[in-house]
Amino acid sequence: MSDNALSPTAPAATSYPPATILFIVALCVLVSVSAAAEVIESWVDGRFFHFDFGVCALPIAFGLLARKHSSRRWALFFAAFGLIGGGAVFVLALANGASGPALGWTLFYTGVAAALGLSSIVMLRSTNGRAWFAAERSPMPNSWMIVFPIMVPAAIAVFDGVVTKRSLLKERQALVDSAFPVNCHFIFLDATTGKRTPSPSFGLSPTSSSGRDDLPPTGGKIWFISAIDAGIPTIIVQGLAFAPYPLHFTADGYQPTDFTITKDTPERVEVRLQPAATP
């Protein structure tokens, strides 16, 4: 069907766009703001050749308000792309073995893209939508009065999301950079005689008398393994830590002893236990 015969029997279009057109205009503004934020973020990160075609949605929004048939065709194209692309991405995720939360999020995002694409196509081809473009082409003098109230809160929300995301990524990267592997074989000696002693009880704090496999708020994961070395029970500590990991050892006849595992702690650690003072 030609542009000049979009709706020969449709009622005369008013000077203010119908709700169907306003919905698509708002969607175009949201897409363009989000895409622009992504492009700016990539430039800040030094990826100067990154570009998101979503920024083209803003001129499409103004074109829709001005009743431009070319903008209608572009809107239909991107709507169809979202509909088909959303389904294709979901099928590819299934083909690649996605499951669990990953599949759930993929289904959510692709479902939203497909739903918005389908609804946009339906709205653009509805009676009100076709009547809007069947009227005489004339730029709306108050286009910015429609776009600006949508763009400002969208830009604020997108900016806040980008700042939050970058902050979380920075914190996570700092955590990853601080991580170090733990593989310590503890040998316990009597500080007076220098002879081996059986492994004492251990914990993460002076109030703990038994081993635990969770870390303090520093994050990470630690395993305590009971072993036999030269016929004497001992302890092997393995895992991953993101910060110095404190241990507290207690044994009958000996004073409590503290030891902190750091990234410089050797694989074999000798801990000398001081005999407790006799009453």
C-alpha atoms as a PDB file:
ATOM      1  CA  MET A   1       0.000   0.000   0.000  1.00  0.00           C
ATOM      2  CA  SER A   2       1.421   3.384  -0.937  1.00  0.00           C
ATOM      3  CA  ASP A   3       2.099   6.178   1.534  1.00  0.00           C
ATOM      4  CA  ASN A   4      -0.590   8.352  -0.037  1.00  0.00           C
ATOM      5  CA  ALA A   5      -3.204   5.676   0.472  1.00  0.00           C
ATOM      6  CA  LEU A   6      -2.451   4.669   4.008  1.00  0.00           C
ATOM      7  CA  SER A   7      -6.057   5.016   5.103  1.00  0.00           C
ATOM      8  CA  PRO A   8      -8.386   6.496   2.484  1.00  0.00           C
ATOM      9  CA  THR A   9     -11.417   5.951   4.682  1.00  0.00           C
ATOM     10  CA  ALA A  10      -9.834   6.951   8.006  1.00  0.00           C
ATOM     11  CA  PRO A  11     -11.228   9.962   9.840  1.00  0.00           C
ATOM     12  CA  ALA A  12      -9.367  13.227   9.619  1.00  0.00           C
ATOM     13  CA  ALA A  13      -6.350  13.304  11.914  1.00  0.00           C
ATOM     14  CA  THR A  14      -6.264  15.775  14.750  1.00  0.00           C
ATOM     15  CA  SER A  15      -3.403  18.174  15.433  1.00  0.00           C
ATOM     16  CA  TYR A  16      -2.386  16.143  18.487  1.00  0.00           C
ATOM     17  CA  PRO A  17      -1.095  12.592  17.978  1.00  0.00           C
ATOM     18  CA  PRO A  18      -3.204   9.683  19.258  1.00  0.00           C
ATOM     19  CA  ALA A  19      -2.090   7.530  22.174  1.00  0.00           C
ATOM     20  CA  THR A  20      -0.746   4.848  19.831  1.00  0.00           C
ATOM     21  CA  ILE A  21       1.685   7.291  18.234  1.00  0.00           C
ATOM     22  CA  LEU A  22       2.649   8.797  21.603  1.00  0.00           C
ATOM     23  CA  PHE A  23       3.485   5.318  22.912  1.00  0.00           C
ATOM     24  CA  ILE A  24       5.828   4.628  20.003  1.00  0.00           C
ATOM     25  CA  VAL A  25       7.379   8.108  20.292  1.00  0.00           C
ATOM     26  CA  ALA A  26       8.044   7.494  23.991  1.00  0.00           C
ATOM     27  CA  LEU A  27       9.565   4.100  23.154  1.00  0.00           C
ATOM     28  CA  CYS A  28      11.813   5.698  20.518  1.00  0.00           C
ATOM     29  CA  VAL A  29      12.998   8.311  23.007  1.00  0.00           C
ATOM     30  CA  LEU A  30      13.798   5.672  25.630  1.00  0.00           C
ATOM     31  CA  VAL A  31      15.704   3.564  23.111  1.00  0.00           C
ATOM     32  CA  SER A  32      17.687   6.544  21.800  1.00  0.00           C
ATOM     33  CA  VAL A  33      18.628   7.785  25.286  1.00  0.00           C
ATOM     34  CA  SER A  34      19.721   4.321  26.374  1.00  0.00           C
ATOM     35  CA  ALA A  35      21.737   3.822  23.180  1.00  0.00           C
ATOM     36  CA  ALA A  36      23.373   7.241  23.500  1.00  0.00           C
ATOM     37  CA  ALA A  37      24.379   6.442  27.077  1.00  0.00           C
ATOM     38  CA  GLU A  38      25.945   3.164  25.932  1.00  0.00           C
ATOM     39  CA  VAL A  39      27.878   4.914  23.165  1.00  0.00           C
ATOM     40  CA  ILE A  40      29.161   7.616  25.532  1.00  0.00           C
ATOM     41  CA  GLU A  41      30.147   4.982  28.076  1.00  0.00           C
ATOM     42  CA  SER A  42      32.096   3.062  25.430  1.00  0.00           C
ATOM     43  CA  TRP A  43      33.898   6.255  24.384  1.00  0.00           C
ATOM     44  CA  VAL A  44      34.816   6.922  28.027  1.00  0.00           C
ATOM     45  CA  ASP A  45      36.297   3.409  28.136  1.00  0.00           C
ATOM     46  CA  GLY A  46      38.363   4.145  25.015  1.00  0.00           C
ATOM     47  CA  ARG A  47      36.226   2.177  22.544  1.00  0.00           C
ATOM     48  CA  PHE A  48      35.821   5.030  20.062  1.00  0.00           C
ATOM     49  CA  PHE A  49      34.553   2.884  17.178  1.00  0.00           C
ATOM     50  CA  HIS A  50      31.511   1.590  19.050  1.00  0.00           C
ATOM     51  CA  PHE A  51      28.162   2.816  17.787  1.00  0.00           C
ATOM     52  CA  ASP A  52      24.591   1.859  18.611  1.00  0.00           C
ATOM     53  CA  PHE A  53      21.995   2.414  15.890  1.00  0.00           C
ATOM     54  CA  GLY A  54      19.443   2.909  18.634  1.00  0.00           C
ATOM     55  CA  VAL A  55      20.400   6.588  18.690  1.00  0.00           C
ATOM     56  CA  CYS A  56      18.596   6.889  15.355  1.00  0.00           C
ATOM     57  CA  ALA A  57      15.333   6.362  17.199  1.00  0.00           C
ATOM     58  CA  LEU A  58      15.255  10.013  18.295  1.00  0.00           C
ATOM     59  CA  PRO A  59      14.914  11.508  14.775  1.00  0.00           C
ATOM     60  CA  ILE A  60      12.369   8.763  14.076  1.00  0.00           C
ATOM     61  CA  ALA A  61      10.352  10.027  17.056  1.00  0.00           C
ATOM     62  CA  PHE A  62      10.326  13.586  15.690  1.00  0.00           C
ATOM     63  CA  GLY A  63       9.471  12.243  12.252  1.00  0.00           C
ATOM     64  CA  LEU A  64       6.488  10.350  13.644  1.00  0.00           C
ATOM     65  CA  LEU A  65       5.209  13.530  15.283  1.00  0.00           C
ATOM     66  CA  ALA A  66       5.642  15.339  11.950  1.00  0.00           C
ATOM     67  CA  ARG A  67       3.639  12.620  10.129  1.00  0.00           C
ATOM     68  CA  LYS A  68       6.606  11.628   7.951  1.00  0.00           C
ATOM     69  CA  HIS A  69       5.951   8.371   6.130  1.00  0.00           C
ATOM     70  CA  SER A  70       9.672   7.589   6.019  1.00  0.00           C
ATOM     71  CA  SER A  71       9.772   7.661   9.840  1.00  0.00           C
ATOM     72  CA  ARG A  72       6.779   5.327   9.917  1.00  0.00           C
ATOM     73  CA  ARG A  73       8.585   2.880   7.650  1.00  0.00           C
ATOM     74  CA  TRP A  74      11.753   3.048   9.772  1.00  0.00           C
ATOM     75  CA  ALA A  75       9.688   2.506  12.927  1.00  0.00           C
ATOM     76  CA  LEU A  76       8.045  -0.534  11.333  1.00  0.00           C
ATOM     77  CA  PHE A  77      11.454  -1.859  10.278  1.00  0.00           C
ATOM     78  CA  PHE A  78      12.968  -1.591  13.762  1.00  0.00           C
ATOM     79  CA  ALA A  79       9.783  -2.997  15.337  1.00  0.00           C
ATOM     80  CA  ALA A  80       9.977  -6.026  13.045  1.00  0.00           C
ATOM     81  CA  PHE A  81      13.679  -6.332  13.840  1.00  0.00           C
ATOM     82  CA  GLY A  82      12.896  -6.376  17.566  1.00  0.00           C
ATOM     83  CA  LEU A  83      10.168  -8.967  17.081  1.00  0.00           C
ATOM     84  CA  ILE A  84      12.244 -11.309  14.919  1.00  0.00           C
ATOM     85  CA  GLY A  85      15.530 -10.612  16.679  1.00  0.00           C
ATOM     86  CA  GLY A  86      14.066 -11.300  20.118  1.00  0.00           C
ATOM     87  CA  GLY A  87      12.834 -14.700  19.013  1.00  0.00           C
ATOM     88  CA  ALA A  88      16.115 -15.510  17.267  1.00  0.00           C
ATOM     89  CA  VAL A  89      18.211 -14.655  20.334  1.00  0.00           C
ATOM     90  CA  PHE A  90      16.032 -16.850  22.532  1.00  0.00           C
ATOM     91  CA  VAL A  91      16.327 -19.780  20.098  1.00  0.00           C
ATOM     92  CA  LEU A  92      20.114 -19.355  19.968  1.00  0.00           C
ATOM     93  CA  ALA A  93      20.265 -19.288  23.779  1.00  0.00           C
ATOM     94  CA  LEU A  94      18.380 -22.600  23.886  1.00  0.00           C
ATOM     95  CA  ALA A  95      20.619 -24.060  21.179  1.00  0.00           C
ATOM     96  CA  ASN A  96      23.723 -23.091  23.183  1.00  0.00           C
ATOM     97  CA  GLY A  97      22.429 -24.885  26.263  1.00  0.00           C
ATOM     98  CA  ALA A  98      21.317 -21.918  28.360  1.00  0.00           C
ATOM     99  CA  SER A  99      19.393 -22.920  31.470  1.00  0.00           C
ATOM    100  CA  GLY A 100      18.416 -21.718  34.908  1.00  0.00           C
ATOM    101  CA  PRO A 101      18.646 -17.980  35.686  1.00  0.00           C
ATOM    102  CA  ALA A 102      20.533 -17.266  32.435  1.00  0.00           C
ATOM    103  CA  LEU A 103      17.679 -18.712  30.388  1.00  0.00           C
ATOM    104  CA  GLY A 104      15.137 -16.863  32.523  1.00  0.00           C
ATOM    105  CA  TRP A 105      16.781 -13.475  31.962  1.00  0.00           C
ATOM    106  CA  THR A 106      17.188 -14.217  28.249  1.00  0.00           C
ATOM    107  CA  LEU A 107      13.506 -15.092  28.023  1.00  0.00           C
ATOM    108  CA  PHE A 108      12.595 -11.887  29.862  1.00  0.00           C
ATOM    109  CA  TYR A 109      14.646  -9.529  27.672  1.00  0.00           C
ATOM    110  CA  THR A 110      13.805 -11.219  24.382  1.00  0.00           C
ATOM    111  CA  GLY A 111      10.151 -11.394  25.410  1.00  0.00           C
ATOM    112  CA  VAL A 112      10.087  -7.673  26.152  1.00  0.00           C
ATOM    113  CA  ALA A 113      11.773  -6.888  22.811  1.00  0.00           C
ATOM    114  CA  ALA A 114       9.351  -9.106  20.903  1.00  0.00           C
ATOM    115  CA  ALA A 115       6.310  -7.729  22.736  1.00  0.00           C
ATOM    116  CA  LEU A 116       7.323  -4.121  22.107  1.00  0.00           C
ATOM    117  CA  GLY A 117       8.052  -4.880  18.472  1.00  0.00           C
ATOM    118  CA  LEU A 118       4.716  -6.589  17.929  1.00  0.00           C
ATOM    119  CA  SER A 119       2.740  -3.906  19.776  1.00  0.00           C
ATOM    120  CA  SER A 120       4.470  -1.158  17.783  1.00  0.00           C
ATOM    121  CA  ILE A 121       3.595  -2.832  14.500  1.00  0.00           C
ATOM    122  CA  VAL A 122      -0.032  -3.224  15.581  1.00  0.00           C
ATOM    123  CA  MET A 123      -0.240   0.410  16.715  1.00  0.00           C
ATOM    124  CA  LEU A 124       1.358   1.817  13.577  1.00  0.00           C
ATOM    125  CA  ARG A 125      -1.081  -0.147  11.428  1.00  0.00           C
ATOM    126  CA  SER A 126      -4.131   0.627  13.568  1.00  0.00           C
ATOM    127  CA  THR A 127      -6.897   2.963  12.400  1.00  0.00           C
ATOM    128  CA  ASN A 128      -5.690   5.848  14.565  1.00  0.00           C
ATOM    129  CA  GLY A 129      -2.089   5.305  13.556  1.00  0.00           C
ATOM    130  CA  ARG A 130      -2.864   5.196   9.832  1.00  0.00           C
ATOM    131  CA  ALA A 131      -5.158   8.224  10.108  1.00  0.00           C
ATOM    132  CA  TRP A 132      -2.328  10.228  11.679  1.00  0.00           C
ATOM    133  CA  PHE A 133      -0.084   9.657   8.663  1.00  0.00           C
ATOM    134  CA  ALA A 134      -2.906  10.062   6.148  1.00  0.00           C
ATOM    135  CA  ALA A 135      -3.269  13.707   7.149  1.00  0.00           C
ATOM    136  CA  GLU A 136      -1.252  16.516   5.587  1.00  0.00           C
ATOM    137  CA  ARG A 137       2.421  16.491   6.526  1.00  0.00           C
ATOM    138  CA  SER A 138       3.234  19.399   8.779  1.00  0.00           C
ATOM    139  CA  PRO A 139       5.858  19.623  11.516  1.00  0.00           C
ATOM    140  CA  MET A 140       4.373  20.009  14.946  1.00  0.00           C
ATOM    141  CA  PRO A 141       5.531  23.243  16.562  1.00  0.00           C
ATOM    142  CA  ASN A 142       5.237  21.627  19.998  1.00  0.00           C
ATOM    143  CA  SER A 143       7.190  18.446  19.264  1.00  0.00           C
ATOM    144  CA  TRP A 144       9.738  19.259  21.955  1.00  0.00           C
ATOM    145  CA  MET A 145       6.876  19.766  24.413  1.00  0.00           C
ATOM    146  CA  ILE A 146       6.082  16.101  23.885  1.00  0.00           C
ATOM    147  CA  VAL A 147       9.607  14.689  23.645  1.00  0.00           C
ATOM    148  CA  PHE A 148      11.297  16.730  26.390  1.00  0.00           C
ATOM    149  CA  PRO A 149       9.134  15.499  29.323  1.00  0.00           C
ATOM    150  CA  ILE A 150       9.925  11.945  28.218  1.00  0.00           C
ATOM    151  CA  MET A 151      13.616  12.489  27.520  1.00  0.00           C
ATOM    152  CA  VAL A 152      14.567  14.172  30.806  1.00  0.00           C
ATOM    153  CA  PRO A 153      13.406  11.466  33.248  1.00  0.00           C
ATOM    154  CA  ALA A 154      14.629   8.786  30.845  1.00  0.00           C
ATOM    155  CA  ALA A 155      18.071  10.397  30.698  1.00  0.00           C
ATOM    156  CA  ILE A 156      18.181  10.711  34.503  1.00  0.00           C
ATOM    157  CA  ALA A 157      17.192   7.065  34.959  1.00  0.00           C
ATOM    158  CA  VAL A 158      19.683   5.835  32.361  1.00  0.00           C
ATOM    159  CA  PHE A 159      22.483   7.986  33.802  1.00  0.00           C
ATOM    160  CA  ASP A 160      21.780   6.680  37.298  1.00  0.00           C
ATOM    161  CA  GLY A 161      21.799   3.122  35.968  1.00  0.00           C
ATOM    162  CA  VAL A 162      25.105   3.635  34.176  1.00  0.00           C
ATOM    163  CA  VAL A 163      26.736   5.195  37.243  1.00  0.00           C
ATOM    164  CA  THR A 164      25.484   2.363  39.455  1.00  0.00           C
ATOM    165  CA  LYS A 165      26.656  -0.281  37.004  1.00  0.00           C
ATOM    166  CA  ARG A 166      30.115   1.248  36.655  1.00  0.00           C
ATOM    167  CA  SER A 167      30.422   1.548  40.417  1.00  0.00           C
ATOM    168  CA  LEU A 168      29.514  -2.110  40.898  1.00  0.00           C
ATOM    169  CA  LEU A 169      31.914  -3.169  38.153  1.00  0.00           C
ATOM    170  CA  LYS A 170      34.691  -1.118  39.748  1.00  0.00           C
ATOM    171  CA  GLU A 171      34.069  -2.694  43.140  1.00  0.00           C
ATOM    172  CA  ARG A 172      33.985  -6.175  41.632  1.00  0.00           C
ATOM    173  CA  GLN A 173      37.187  -5.563  39.692  1.00  0.00           C
ATOM    174  CA  ALA A 174      38.897  -4.314  42.859  1.00  0.00           C
ATOM    175  CA  LEU A 175      37.726  -7.467  44.622  1.00  0.00           C
ATOM    176  CA  VAL A 176      39.038  -9.668  41.821  1.00  0.00           C
ATOM    177  CA  ASP A 177      42.380  -7.828  41.805  1.00  0.00           C
ATOM    178  CA  SER A 178      42.766  -8.386  45.552  1.00  0.00           C
ATOM    179  CA  ALA A 179      41.997 -12.128  45.389  1.00  0.00           C
ATOM    180  CA  PHE A 180      44.732 -14.637  46.122  1.00  0.00           C
ATOM    181  CA  PRO A 181      44.806 -18.450  46.319  1.00  0.00           C
ATOM    182  CA  VAL A 182      45.206 -20.137  49.671  1.00  0.00           C
ATOM    183  CA  ASN A 183      47.090 -23.418  50.052  1.00  0.00           C
ATOM    184  CA  CYS A 184      48.676 -23.654  53.479  1.00  0.00           C
ATOM    185  CA  HIS A 185      49.893 -26.776  55.249  1.00  0.00           C
ATOM    186  CA  PHE A 186      50.118 -26.006  58.956  1.00  0.00           C
ATOM    187  CA  ILE A 187      52.729 -27.685  61.132  1.00  0.00           C
ATOM    188  CA  PHE A 188      52.310 -27.116  64.871  1.00  0.00           C
ATOM    189  CA  LEU A 189      55.338 -27.126  67.152  1.00  0.00           C
ATOM    190  CA  ASP A 190      55.820 -26.809  70.859  1.00  0.00           C
ATOM    191  CA  ALA A 191      57.580 -23.464  71.234  1.00  0.00           C
ATOM    192  CA  THR A 192      59.658 -24.792  74.162  1.00  0.00           C
ATOM    193  CA  THR A 193      60.758 -28.210  72.896  1.00  0.00           C
ATOM    194  CA  GLY A 194      60.393 -27.643  69.143  1.00  0.00           C
ATOM    195  CA  LYS A 195      58.608 -30.986  68.811  1.00  0.00           C
ATOM    196  CA  ARG A 196      55.545 -31.583  66.685  1.00  0.00           C
ATOM    197  CA  THR A 197      52.166 -31.421  68.366  1.00  0.00           C
ATOM    198  CA  PRO A 198      48.775 -32.586  67.093  1.00  0.00           C
ATOM    199  CA  SER A 199      46.690 -29.929  65.349  1.00  0.00           C
ATOM    200  CA  PRO A 200      44.690 -27.828  67.799  1.00  0.00           C
ATOM    201  CA  SER A 201      41.131 -26.640  67.476  1.00  0.00           C
ATOM    202  CA  PHE A 202      40.793 -23.639  65.216  1.00  0.00           C
ATOM    203  CA  GLY A 203      38.303 -20.979  64.243  1.00  0.00           C
ATOM    204  CA  LEU A 204      37.875 -17.526  62.744  1.00  0.00           C
ATOM    205  CA  SER A 205      37.708 -15.541  65.955  1.00  0.00           C
ATOM    206  CA  PRO A 206      38.682 -15.864  69.636  1.00  0.00           C
ATOM    207  CA  THR A 207      35.126 -16.992  70.395  1.00  0.00           C
ATOM    208  CA  SER A 208      35.218 -19.827  67.873  1.00  0.00           C
ATOM    209  CA  SER A 209      36.513 -23.241  68.827  1.00  0.00           C
ATOM    210  CA  SER A 210      35.680 -25.205  65.679  1.00  0.00           C
ATOM    211  CA  GLY A 211      36.511 -24.903  62.021  1.00  0.00           C
ATOM    212  CA  ARG A 212      34.144 -23.162  59.615  1.00  0.00           C
ATOM    213  CA  ASP A 213      34.168 -23.097  55.821  1.00  0.00           C
ATOM    214  CA  ASP A 214      32.869 -19.557  55.370  1.00  0.00           C
ATOM    215  CA  LEU A 215      34.826 -16.341  55.264  1.00  0.00           C
ATOM    216  CA  PRO A 216      34.228 -13.122  57.168  1.00  0.00           C
ATOM    217  CA  PRO A 217      32.785 -10.185  55.162  1.00  0.00           C
ATOM    218  CA  THR A 218      35.947 -10.102  53.024  1.00  0.00           C
ATOM    219  CA  GLY A 219      34.393 -12.745  50.748  1.00  0.00           C
ATOM    220  CA  GLY A 220      35.862 -15.826  49.154  1.00  0.00           C
ATOM    221  CA  LYS A 221      35.786 -19.501  50.078  1.00  0.00           C
ATOM    222  CA  ILE A 222      38.051 -21.512  52.361  1.00  0.00           C
ATOM    223  CA  TRP A 223      38.169 -25.248  53.057  1.00  0.00           C
ATOM    224  CA  PHE A 224      39.747 -26.859  56.105  1.00  0.00           C
ATOM    225  CA  ILE A 225      41.161 -30.326  55.486  1.00  0.00           C
ATOM    226  CA  SER A 226      42.303 -32.678  58.248  1.00  0.00           C
ATOM    227  CA  ALA A 227      45.407 -34.596  57.250  1.00  0.00           C
ATOM    228  CA  ILE A 228      48.114 -36.813  58.671  1.00  0.00           C
ATOM    229  CA  ASP A 229      51.725 -35.660  58.356  1.00  0.00           C
ATOM    230  CA  ALA A 230      54.478 -37.919  59.697  1.00  0.00           C
ATOM    231  CA  GLY A 231      51.845 -39.791  61.679  1.00  0.00           C
ATOM    232  CA  ILE A 232      50.606 -36.613  63.408  1.00  0.00           C
ATOM    233  CA  PRO A 233      47.218 -34.955  62.684  1.00  0.00           C
ATOM    234  CA  THR A 234      47.531 -31.586  61.033  1.00  0.00           C
ATOM    235  CA  ILE A 235      45.496 -29.057  59.053  1.00  0.00           C
ATOM    236  CA  ILE A 236      45.554 -28.015  55.386  1.00  0.00           C
ATOM    237  CA  VAL A 237      43.771 -24.779  54.472  1.00  0.00           C
ATOM    238  CA  GLN A 238      42.850 -24.246  50.815  1.00  0.00           C
ATOM    239  CA  GLY A 239      40.633 -21.937  48.822  1.00  0.00           C
ATOM    240  CA  LEU A 240      40.404 -18.342  47.611  1.00  0.00           C
ATOM    241  CA  ALA A 241      40.463 -15.204  49.740  1.00  0.00           C
ATOM    242  CA  PHE A 242      39.915 -11.560  48.877  1.00  0.00           C
ATOM    243  CA  ALA A 243      41.567 -10.153  52.014  1.00  0.00           C
ATOM    244  CA  PRO A 244      43.832 -11.314  54.851  1.00  0.00           C
ATOM    245  CA  TYR A 245      42.178 -14.303  56.500  1.00  0.00           C
ATOM    246  CA  PRO A 246      42.443 -14.547  60.317  1.00  0.00           C
ATOM    247  CA  LEU A 247      42.661 -17.855  62.174  1.00  0.00           C
ATOM    248  CA  HIS A 248      42.607 -18.546  65.909  1.00  0.00           C
ATOM    249  CA  PHE A 249      44.108 -21.750  67.299  1.00  0.00           C
ATOM    250  CA  THR A 250      43.417 -23.224  70.737  1.00  0.00           C
ATOM    251  CA  ALA A 251      44.868 -26.402  72.254  1.00  0.00           C
ATOM    252  CA  ASP A 252      44.864 -27.965  75.702  1.00  0.00           C
ATOM    253  CA  GLY A 253      47.991 -26.995  77.586  1.00  0.00           C
ATOM    254  CA  TYR A 254      48.871 -24.149  75.214  1.00  0.00           C
ATOM    255  CA  GLN A 255      48.082 -20.462  74.966  1.00  0.00           C
ATOM    256  CA  PRO A 256      45.657 -19.335  72.239  1.00  0.00           C
ATOM    257  CA  THR A 257      47.520 -18.403  69.066  1.00  0.00           C
ATOM    258  CA  ASP A 258      46.422 -16.128  66.229  1.00  0.00           C
ATOM    259  CA  PHE A 259      47.626 -16.401  62.641  1.00  0.00           C
ATOM    260  CA  THR A 260      46.604 -14.427  59.550  1.00  0.00           C
ATOM    261  CA  ILE A 261      46.848 -15.883  56.056  1.00  0.00           C
ATOM    262  CA  THR A 262      47.926 -13.345  53.435  1.00  0.00           C
ATOM    263  CA  LYS A 263      48.937 -13.586  49.785  1.00  0.00           C
ATOM    264  CA  ASP A 264      52.578 -13.877  50.927  1.00  0.00           C
ATOM    265  CA  THR A 265      51.966 -16.809  53.290  1.00  0.00           C
ATOM    266  CA  PRO A 266      54.120 -19.786  52.208  1.00  0.00           C
ATOM    267  CA  GLU A 267      52.672 -23.198  51.446  1.00  0.00           C
ATOM    268  CA  ARG A 268      54.214 -24.746  54.560  1.00  0.00           C
ATOM    269  CA  VAL A 269      53.598 -22.824  57.767  1.00  0.00           C
ATOM    270  CA  GLU A 270      55.087 -23.618  61.174  1.00  0.00           C
ATOM    271  CA  VAL A 271      53.032 -22.373  64.104  1.00  0.00           C
ATOM    272  CA  ARG A 272      54.782 -22.451  67.483  1.00  0.00           C
ATOM    273  CA  LEU A 273      52.407 -22.923  70.361  1.00  0.00           C
ATOM    274  CA  GLN A 274      53.404 -21.405  73.699  1.00  0.00           C
ATOM    275  CA  PRO A 275      52.751 -23.681  76.678  1.00  0.00           C
ATOM    276  CA  ALA A 276      50.134 -22.345  79.020  1.00  0.00           C
ATOM    277  CA  ALA A 277      51.359 -21.040  82.346  1.00  0.00           C
ATOM    278  CA  THR A 278      50.864 -23.530  85.147  1.00  0.00           C
ATOM    279  CA  PRO A 279      48.749 -22.228  88.041  1.00  0.00           C
END
